[in-house]
Amino acid sequence: TKRLKFQTGKKALDWTVPKEWEAREAYIIGPDGKRYADFGKNNLHLLNYSVPFRGKMNLEELKTHLYSLPEQPDAIPYLTSYYKARWGFCLPHRVLTALPSGEYEVVVDTRLYDGHVEIGETVLPGQSTREILFSSYLCHPSLANNELSGPLVTAFLYRKIAAMPKRRFTYRFALMPETIGSICYLSLRGASFKQRLVAGYQITCVGNPAAWTYKRSRRGSCLADRAAEIILRDSGAAYELIVFDPSVGSDERQYCSPGYNLPVGSLMRTMYGRYPQYHTSLDNKNFISFETLAKSVEVYFDMVQAIENNRVWINKVARGEPQLGRRGLYPTLGGQKENEQEIRAMLWLLNLADGTKDLLDVAVVSGQPLKLLITAASKLSKAKLIALKVS
């Protein structure tokens, strides 16, 4: 495991690493002596990246620094000041509209200093140096689905992949601040990724019990996309496929940016921006469930298995359909329903194993479940009816 650090002022592609921000204390004291928007009670109250400030002002002046959501009067919005010096507070609209007139004391005890952007990275080596990337972010305070769910699923997915007795590919896991983190990461690893990365996923918004959403890579039909779409098809669960969009999204925008165009997609539940709790205090632990998180881990691991087992097979019987019965692969009594689905999968694989189609192609053309085709490939290989294509 490594901690990669990029110092303030360092150039990273077209960006420059900003100053690091530390918040110690922040609050507003009203003319009634009551504390409003207290950072100590909820860190969403403070506009992220607020510059230091201490002073007194009347309500009208203070309101120019206050932010709320009129359409969600009980929610605290999550807001950040991007690369502009300002300070502010976020509070429920119901509270804002009820603030008493008079003089307010404002305390914003923060500091901006030369620090660094930090990225956590770990690698599970495989038989090949070709890599699969799992990336998530750590930068949204006190948000559950939009923040906590990604690192949690990534961590448990790491455990499952680490426990695999054999890994065909090398697996790289990374946690970072969104956007500036992935830009720094690409400035260090981008050239290597272009050579080695065969698939990758940005993990976010995977904790709420809703239908799946898969955002394709910029390429649209890379290995990551194909594996995700087959696993979702086979799951029987509701899902939506959406095309890559650089104007909205998470770090897949950076991985798929010009000059890199990496094979990175993103499998989510309800995606960012599509649920009313997004970027508010309502995106809390009540909005996610451990059952959903566990299921998300399983589906991601199914995608790993799909990629690991995606091989190109060649039928070793030159002409005609091979006799499965004498090899113990077909019922000996005609008309039996026993293992009918498995036999169907074997026959499809034998027919399409012409050296031009990988197992994901076979799953698409045949409509057969991928897990069944993986089992069929194992049995047919042991019977010496098919062989791996030598690449």
Protein backbone atom coordinates (compact mmCIF):
# COMPACT_ATOMS: atom_id res chain seq x y z
CA THR A 1 0.00 0.00 0.00
CA LYS A 2 1.28 3.45 -0.95
CA ARG A 3 0.33 7.01 -0.07
CA LEU A 4 1.03 9.23 -3.05
CA LYS A 5 1.46 12.92 -2.22
CA PHE A 6 1.29 15.87 -4.61
CA GLN A 7 2.48 19.11 -3.05
CA THR A 8 0.69 22.45 -3.23
CA GLY A 9 1.83 24.36 -6.31
CA LYS A 10 2.74 21.24 -8.27
CA LYS A 11 1.54 21.17 -11.87
CA ALA A 12 -0.67 18.19 -12.68
CA LEU A 13 -1.65 18.13 -16.35
CA ASP A 14 -3.51 21.44 -16.89
CA TRP A 15 -4.13 21.95 -13.16
CA THR A 16 -2.14 23.16 -10.17
CA VAL A 17 -2.46 21.52 -6.76
CA PRO A 18 -4.23 24.05 -4.48
CA LYS A 19 -3.55 24.86 -0.86
CA GLU A 20 -4.72 22.39 1.73
CA TRP A 21 -7.68 23.40 3.90
CA GLU A 22 -8.18 22.83 7.59
CA ALA A 23 -11.35 23.74 9.51
CA ARG A 24 -11.10 24.00 13.28
CA GLU A 25 -14.29 25.80 14.30
CA ALA A 26 -17.08 27.80 12.68
CA TYR A 27 -20.39 29.18 13.90
CA ILE A 28 -22.79 32.12 13.91
CA ILE A 29 -24.13 33.66 17.15
CA GLY A 30 -27.40 35.53 16.73
CA PRO A 31 -28.70 38.58 18.62
CA ASP A 32 -30.61 36.12 20.81
CA GLY A 33 -27.32 34.52 21.93
CA LYS A 34 -28.12 31.29 20.07
CA ARG A 35 -25.57 29.51 17.89
CA TYR A 36 -26.65 28.92 14.31
CA ALA A 37 -24.89 26.79 11.63
CA ASP A 38 -22.41 25.28 14.09
CA PHE A 39 -19.61 23.33 12.38
CA GLY A 40 -19.09 21.40 15.61
CA LYS A 41 -22.57 19.89 15.35
CA ASN A 42 -22.62 19.22 11.62
CA ASN A 43 -19.62 19.85 9.36
CA LEU A 44 -21.92 20.46 6.38
CA HIS A 45 -22.81 23.79 7.97
CA LEU A 46 -19.53 25.31 6.83
CA LEU A 47 -19.05 26.13 3.15
CA ASN A 48 -16.13 23.89 2.27
CA TYR A 49 -12.86 25.70 1.61
CA SER A 50 -14.09 28.82 3.44
CA VAL A 51 -11.34 31.34 4.17
CA PRO A 52 -10.85 32.55 7.76
CA PHE A 53 -13.12 35.31 9.06
CA ARG A 54 -14.10 36.88 12.37
CA GLY A 55 -16.45 39.81 12.70
CA LYS A 56 -19.91 41.20 13.35
CA MET A 57 -22.60 42.16 10.85
CA ASN A 58 -26.32 42.61 10.51
CA LEU A 59 -28.66 39.96 9.15
CA GLU A 60 -28.95 41.41 5.66
CA GLU A 61 -25.18 41.43 5.17
CA LEU A 62 -24.87 37.97 6.69
CA LYS A 63 -27.45 36.54 4.28
CA THR A 64 -25.06 37.16 1.37
CA HIS A 65 -22.93 34.40 2.92
CA LEU A 66 -25.73 31.94 3.69
CA TYR A 67 -26.89 29.07 1.49
CA SER A 68 -30.02 26.90 1.69
CA LEU A 69 -32.40 24.83 -0.43
CA PRO A 70 -35.90 26.39 -0.54
CA GLU A 71 -37.30 23.26 -2.18
CA GLN A 72 -35.90 21.11 0.68
CA PRO A 73 -36.44 23.31 3.74
CA ASP A 74 -35.15 20.76 6.28
CA ALA A 75 -31.93 19.81 4.48
CA ILE A 76 -28.46 21.27 4.91
CA PRO A 77 -26.86 21.60 1.46
CA TYR A 78 -23.29 20.45 0.81
CA LEU A 79 -21.42 23.22 -1.02
CA THR A 80 -17.78 23.93 -1.79
CA SER A 81 -16.09 27.11 -2.96
CA TYR A 82 -13.93 26.07 -5.90
CA TYR A 83 -10.74 28.08 -6.33
CA LYS A 84 -12.28 31.37 -5.13
CA ALA A 85 -11.61 33.02 -1.77
CA ARG A 86 -14.91 33.30 0.12
CA TRP A 87 -16.54 32.14 3.32
CA GLY A 88 -20.07 30.98 3.99
CA PHE A 89 -22.48 28.79 5.90
CA CYS A 90 -25.08 26.24 4.81
CA LEU A 91 -28.26 25.73 6.81
CA PRO A 92 -31.82 24.47 6.40
CA HIS A 93 -34.03 26.96 4.60
CA ARG A 94 -36.55 26.72 7.42
CA VAL A 95 -33.86 27.98 9.82
CA LEU A 96 -32.62 30.68 7.46
CA THR A 97 -36.06 32.23 6.98
CA ALA A 98 -36.62 32.31 10.75
CA LEU A 99 -33.35 34.07 11.68
CA PRO A 100 -34.06 37.07 13.94
CA SER A 101 -33.04 40.57 12.88
CA GLY A 102 -30.08 42.19 14.60
CA GLU A 103 -26.34 41.87 14.88
CA TYR A 104 -24.56 38.53 14.42
CA GLU A 105 -21.12 37.38 15.50
CA VAL A 106 -19.39 35.24 12.87
CA VAL A 107 -16.44 32.91 13.49
CA VAL A 108 -14.72 30.98 10.72
CA ASP A 109 -11.58 29.45 12.19
CA THR A 110 -9.92 27.84 9.17
CA ARG A 111 -6.55 27.93 7.49
CA LEU A 112 -5.28 27.48 3.96
CA TYR A 113 -1.67 26.37 3.79
CA ASP A 114 0.91 24.69 1.59
CA GLY A 115 0.12 21.02 1.99
CA HIS A 116 -0.64 18.23 -0.44
CA VAL A 117 -3.23 16.11 -2.21
CA GLU A 118 -2.97 12.53 -0.97
CA ILE A 119 -3.94 9.34 -2.79
CA GLY A 120 -4.09 5.86 -1.29
CA GLU A 121 -3.12 3.05 -3.64
CA THR A 122 -2.69 -0.70 -3.32
CA VAL A 123 -2.05 -3.45 -5.87
CA LEU A 124 -2.90 -7.16 -5.96
CA PRO A 125 -0.51 -8.73 -8.49
CA GLY A 126 -1.75 -11.35 -10.92
CA GLN A 127 -0.32 -13.70 -13.52
CA SER A 128 -0.33 -10.84 -16.02
CA THR A 129 0.84 -7.22 -15.69
CA ARG A 130 -2.33 -6.15 -17.48
CA GLU A 131 -4.42 -4.26 -14.96
CA ILE A 132 -7.96 -3.68 -13.76
CA LEU A 133 -8.54 -0.45 -11.81
CA PHE A 134 -11.07 0.25 -9.06
CA SER A 135 -11.21 3.90 -8.09
CA SER A 136 -13.28 5.79 -5.52
CA TYR A 137 -13.08 9.09 -3.67
CA LEU A 138 -12.82 10.57 -0.17
CA CYS A 139 -13.85 14.21 -0.16
CA HIS A 140 -17.56 14.66 0.60
CA PRO A 141 -18.02 15.12 4.37
CA SER A 142 -20.95 13.42 6.11
CA LEU A 143 -22.53 12.04 2.92
CA ALA A 144 -23.45 8.35 2.85
CA ASN A 145 -24.39 7.23 -0.67
CA ASN A 146 -22.39 9.87 -2.51
CA GLU A 147 -19.29 9.34 -0.35
CA LEU A 148 -19.09 6.49 2.15
CA SER A 149 -20.63 3.80 -0.05
CA GLY A 150 -17.84 3.91 -2.66
CA PRO A 151 -14.85 3.36 -0.32
CA LEU A 152 -16.79 0.70 1.65
CA VAL A 153 -17.62 -1.33 -1.46
CA THR A 154 -14.07 -0.87 -2.75
CA ALA A 155 -12.58 -2.13 0.53
CA PHE A 156 -14.75 -5.25 0.69
CA LEU A 157 -14.21 -5.93 -3.00
CA TYR A 158 -10.47 -5.81 -2.32
CA ARG A 159 -10.91 -8.51 0.33
CA LYS A 160 -12.76 -10.81 -2.06
CA ILE A 161 -10.22 -10.37 -4.86
CA ALA A 162 -7.32 -10.82 -2.44
CA ALA A 163 -8.85 -14.17 -1.38
CA MET A 164 -8.96 -15.50 -4.95
CA PRO A 165 -6.58 -18.51 -5.25
CA LYS A 166 -5.44 -17.34 -8.67
CA ARG A 167 -5.68 -13.98 -10.40
CA ARG A 168 -5.27 -13.73 -14.13
CA PHE A 169 -4.99 -9.91 -14.03
CA THR A 170 -3.32 -7.43 -11.69
CA TYR A 171 -5.78 -5.34 -9.65
CA ARG A 172 -5.13 -1.75 -8.63
CA PHE A 173 -7.25 0.08 -6.04
CA ALA A 174 -7.12 3.83 -5.45
CA LEU A 175 -8.85 6.29 -3.10
CA MET A 176 -8.47 10.02 -3.63
CA PRO A 177 -10.19 13.41 -3.57
CA GLU A 178 -12.49 13.69 -6.56
CA THR A 179 -11.29 15.51 -9.70
CA ILE A 180 -8.00 17.04 -8.51
CA GLY A 181 -7.06 13.64 -7.10
CA SER A 182 -7.66 11.72 -10.32
CA ILE A 183 -5.94 14.45 -12.32
CA CYS A 184 -2.87 14.12 -10.09
CA TYR A 185 -3.15 10.33 -10.35
CA LEU A 186 -3.20 10.46 -14.15
CA SER A 187 -0.20 12.78 -14.18
CA LEU A 188 1.70 9.97 -12.43
CA ARG A 189 0.09 6.77 -13.74
CA GLY A 190 -1.58 7.85 -16.99
CA ALA A 191 1.16 6.67 -19.37
CA SER A 192 1.28 3.27 -17.64
CA PHE A 193 -2.51 2.97 -17.70
CA LYS A 194 -2.55 3.55 -21.45
CA GLN A 195 -0.23 0.57 -21.85
CA ARG A 196 -1.61 -1.82 -19.24
CA LEU A 197 -5.20 -1.02 -18.26
CA VAL A 198 -7.72 -3.43 -19.79
CA ALA A 199 -10.72 -2.40 -17.65
CA GLY A 200 -11.60 -0.07 -14.82
CA TYR A 201 -14.53 1.16 -12.74
CA GLN A 202 -15.29 4.30 -10.79
CA ILE A 203 -17.20 3.17 -7.70
CA THR A 204 -19.71 5.67 -6.30
CA CYS A 205 -23.36 5.87 -5.24
CA VAL A 206 -23.71 2.15 -4.53
CA GLY A 207 -25.44 2.17 -1.13
CA ASN A 208 -29.10 3.01 -1.66
CA PRO A 209 -31.54 0.19 -2.54
CA ALA A 210 -32.48 1.27 -6.05
CA ALA A 211 -32.17 -0.04 -9.60
CA TRP A 212 -28.74 -0.19 -11.21
CA THR A 213 -27.31 2.47 -13.49
CA TYR A 214 -24.27 1.72 -15.62
CA LYS A 215 -22.44 4.60 -17.26
CA ARG A 216 -20.42 3.36 -20.20
CA SER A 217 -16.86 4.39 -20.86
CA ARG A 218 -16.11 6.93 -23.55
CA ARG A 219 -15.22 4.00 -25.82
CA GLY A 220 -18.72 2.62 -25.31
CA SER A 221 -17.98 -1.09 -25.78
CA CYS A 222 -14.74 -1.82 -23.94
CA LEU A 223 -14.19 -4.91 -21.79
CA ALA A 224 -15.42 -3.10 -18.67
CA ASP A 225 -18.64 -2.10 -20.44
CA ARG A 226 -19.29 -5.54 -21.88
CA ALA A 227 -18.72 -7.33 -18.58
CA ALA A 228 -20.98 -4.94 -16.68
CA GLU A 229 -23.79 -5.18 -19.20
CA ILE A 230 -23.78 -8.99 -19.32
CA ILE A 231 -23.73 -9.28 -15.51
CA LEU A 232 -26.62 -6.82 -15.22
CA ARG A 233 -28.56 -8.70 -17.91
CA ASP A 234 -28.04 -12.00 -16.13
CA SER A 235 -28.90 -10.59 -12.70
CA GLY A 236 -32.60 -10.23 -13.56
CA ALA A 237 -32.65 -6.91 -11.68
CA ALA A 238 -33.83 -3.62 -13.15
CA TYR A 239 -31.07 -1.50 -14.68
CA GLU A 240 -30.40 1.40 -17.02
CA LEU A 241 -27.49 1.84 -19.42
CA ILE A 242 -26.36 5.39 -20.13
CA VAL A 243 -23.74 6.72 -22.49
CA PHE A 244 -20.60 8.52 -21.41
CA ASP A 245 -21.15 12.21 -20.66
CA PRO A 246 -18.13 14.44 -19.89
CA SER A 247 -20.33 17.28 -18.59
CA VAL A 248 -21.51 15.40 -15.52
CA GLY A 249 -19.99 12.62 -13.49
CA SER A 250 -17.21 11.51 -11.21
CA ASP A 251 -13.60 10.59 -11.95
CA GLU A 252 -14.52 8.49 -14.97
CA ARG A 253 -14.56 11.88 -16.73
CA GLN A 254 -10.83 12.19 -16.08
CA TYR A 255 -9.94 8.58 -16.91
CA CYS A 256 -11.87 8.90 -20.19
CA SER A 257 -10.53 12.38 -21.03
CA PRO A 258 -8.69 13.19 -24.28
CA GLY A 259 -5.16 11.87 -24.36
CA TYR A 260 -6.11 8.90 -22.17
CA ASN A 261 -9.54 7.53 -23.19
CA LEU A 262 -9.12 4.68 -20.74
CA PRO A 263 -11.57 1.73 -20.58
CA VAL A 264 -13.28 2.94 -17.40
CA GLY A 265 -17.02 2.84 -16.70
CA SER A 266 -19.09 3.28 -13.54
CA LEU A 267 -21.72 0.98 -12.04
CA MET A 268 -24.01 2.80 -9.60
CA ARG A 269 -27.38 2.52 -7.97
CA THR A 270 -29.24 5.83 -8.32
CA MET A 271 -26.55 8.01 -9.81
CA TYR A 272 -25.40 11.37 -8.53
CA GLY A 273 -27.80 14.23 -9.14
CA ARG A 274 -30.80 11.95 -9.68
CA TYR A 275 -32.02 11.67 -6.09
CA PRO A 276 -33.27 14.60 -3.97
CA GLN A 277 -30.99 13.72 -1.04
CA TYR A 278 -27.91 14.21 -3.23
CA HIS A 279 -25.39 16.71 -1.79
CA THR A 280 -27.51 17.35 1.29
CA SER A 281 -27.62 16.24 4.91
CA LEU A 282 -30.45 13.87 3.90
CA ASP A 283 -27.86 11.63 2.22
CA ASN A 284 -27.22 10.02 5.59
CA LYS A 285 -26.95 6.50 7.01
CA ASN A 286 -30.73 6.07 6.78
CA PHE A 287 -30.50 6.45 3.00
CA ILE A 288 -28.18 3.46 2.55
CA SER A 289 -28.28 -0.12 3.79
CA PHE A 290 -25.61 -2.70 4.54
CA GLU A 291 -27.65 -5.25 2.59
CA THR A 292 -27.43 -3.07 -0.50
CA LEU A 293 -23.71 -2.44 0.02
CA ALA A 294 -23.10 -6.19 0.29
CA LYS A 295 -25.09 -6.83 -2.89
CA SER A 296 -23.08 -4.11 -4.67
CA VAL A 297 -19.86 -5.89 -3.66
CA GLU A 298 -21.21 -9.15 -5.07
CA VAL A 299 -22.19 -7.62 -8.40
CA TYR A 300 -18.80 -5.94 -8.77
CA PHE A 301 -17.15 -9.27 -7.95
CA ASP A 302 -19.33 -10.95 -10.59
CA MET A 303 -17.89 -8.45 -13.07
CA VAL A 304 -14.39 -9.42 -11.94
CA GLN A 305 -15.22 -13.08 -12.54
CA ALA A 306 -16.63 -12.22 -15.96
CA ILE A 307 -13.39 -10.50 -16.96
CA GLU A 308 -11.18 -13.20 -15.44
CA ASN A 309 -13.02 -15.93 -17.37
CA ASN A 310 -13.44 -14.08 -20.64
CA ARG A 311 -11.36 -16.17 -23.01
CA VAL A 312 -11.45 -17.05 -26.69
CA TRP A 313 -12.12 -20.76 -27.26
CA ILE A 314 -11.63 -22.94 -30.33
CA ASN A 315 -13.71 -26.03 -31.09
CA LYS A 316 -11.32 -28.98 -31.58
CA VAL A 317 -13.87 -31.03 -33.55
CA ALA A 318 -13.27 -30.03 -37.14
CA ARG A 319 -16.67 -30.87 -38.59
CA GLY A 320 -20.14 -31.44 -37.23
CA GLU A 321 -21.50 -31.47 -33.72
CA PRO A 322 -19.38 -33.56 -31.33
CA GLN A 323 -20.93 -36.54 -29.57
CA LEU A 324 -21.39 -35.41 -25.97
CA GLY A 325 -23.02 -38.63 -24.71
CA ARG A 326 -19.92 -40.83 -24.90
CA ARG A 327 -18.04 -38.17 -22.99
CA GLY A 328 -20.59 -38.14 -20.16
CA LEU A 329 -21.87 -34.67 -21.09
CA TYR A 330 -25.33 -35.61 -22.43
CA PRO A 331 -28.29 -37.59 -20.95
CA THR A 332 -28.33 -41.24 -22.02
CA LEU A 333 -32.12 -41.32 -22.18
CA GLY A 334 -33.72 -39.27 -24.96
CA GLY A 335 -36.14 -36.53 -23.96
CA GLN A 336 -34.75 -36.09 -20.44
CA LYS A 337 -34.87 -32.53 -19.08
CA GLU A 338 -31.93 -33.13 -16.77
CA ASN A 339 -29.21 -30.47 -17.22
CA GLU A 340 -31.08 -29.09 -20.23
CA GLN A 341 -29.89 -25.51 -19.71
CA GLU A 342 -26.29 -26.58 -19.22
CA ILE A 343 -26.38 -28.69 -22.37
CA ARG A 344 -27.82 -25.75 -24.28
CA ALA A 345 -24.92 -23.60 -23.10
CA MET A 346 -22.39 -26.25 -24.18
CA LEU A 347 -23.93 -26.55 -27.63
CA TRP A 348 -23.92 -22.79 -28.10
CA LEU A 349 -20.30 -22.56 -27.02
CA LEU A 350 -19.24 -25.40 -29.29
CA ASN A 351 -20.99 -23.74 -32.21
CA LEU A 352 -19.51 -20.29 -31.63
CA ALA A 353 -16.02 -21.34 -30.50
CA ASP A 354 -14.44 -20.48 -33.84
CA GLY A 355 -11.51 -18.45 -32.48
CA THR A 356 -13.12 -15.08 -33.26
CA LYS A 357 -15.49 -14.66 -30.32
CA ASP A 358 -14.69 -14.41 -26.63
CA LEU A 359 -17.02 -15.72 -23.93
CA LEU A 360 -18.79 -12.34 -23.55
CA ASP A 361 -19.52 -12.39 -27.29
CA VAL A 362 -20.95 -15.88 -26.92
CA ALA A 363 -23.14 -14.72 -24.03
CA VAL A 364 -24.54 -11.88 -26.13
CA VAL A 365 -25.21 -13.94 -29.26
CA SER A 366 -26.61 -16.99 -27.47
CA GLY A 367 -28.48 -15.24 -24.67
CA GLN A 368 -27.08 -17.85 -22.29
CA PRO A 369 -26.11 -16.80 -18.74
CA LEU A 370 -22.40 -16.09 -18.53
CA LYS A 371 -21.91 -18.19 -15.37
CA LEU A 372 -23.40 -21.17 -17.20
CA LEU A 373 -21.08 -20.61 -20.16
CA ILE A 374 -18.09 -20.48 -17.79
CA THR A 375 -19.13 -23.86 -16.36
CA ALA A 376 -19.68 -25.23 -19.86
CA ALA A 377 -16.24 -24.03 -20.97
CA SER A 378 -14.62 -25.83 -18.03
CA LYS A 379 -16.38 -29.13 -18.80
CA LEU A 380 -15.75 -28.96 -22.55
CA SER A 381 -12.11 -28.09 -21.97
CA LYS A 382 -11.63 -31.06 -19.63
CA ALA A 383 -13.23 -33.27 -22.31
CA LYS A 384 -10.70 -31.84 -24.81
CA LEU A 385 -13.49 -30.59 -27.07
CA ILE A 386 -12.37 -26.97 -26.93
CA ALA A 387 -9.03 -25.28 -26.33
CA LEU A 388 -7.93 -21.76 -25.52
CA LYS A 389 -6.84 -19.69 -28.47
CA VAL A 390 -3.18 -18.81 -28.17
CA SER A 391 -2.89 -15.04 -28.44
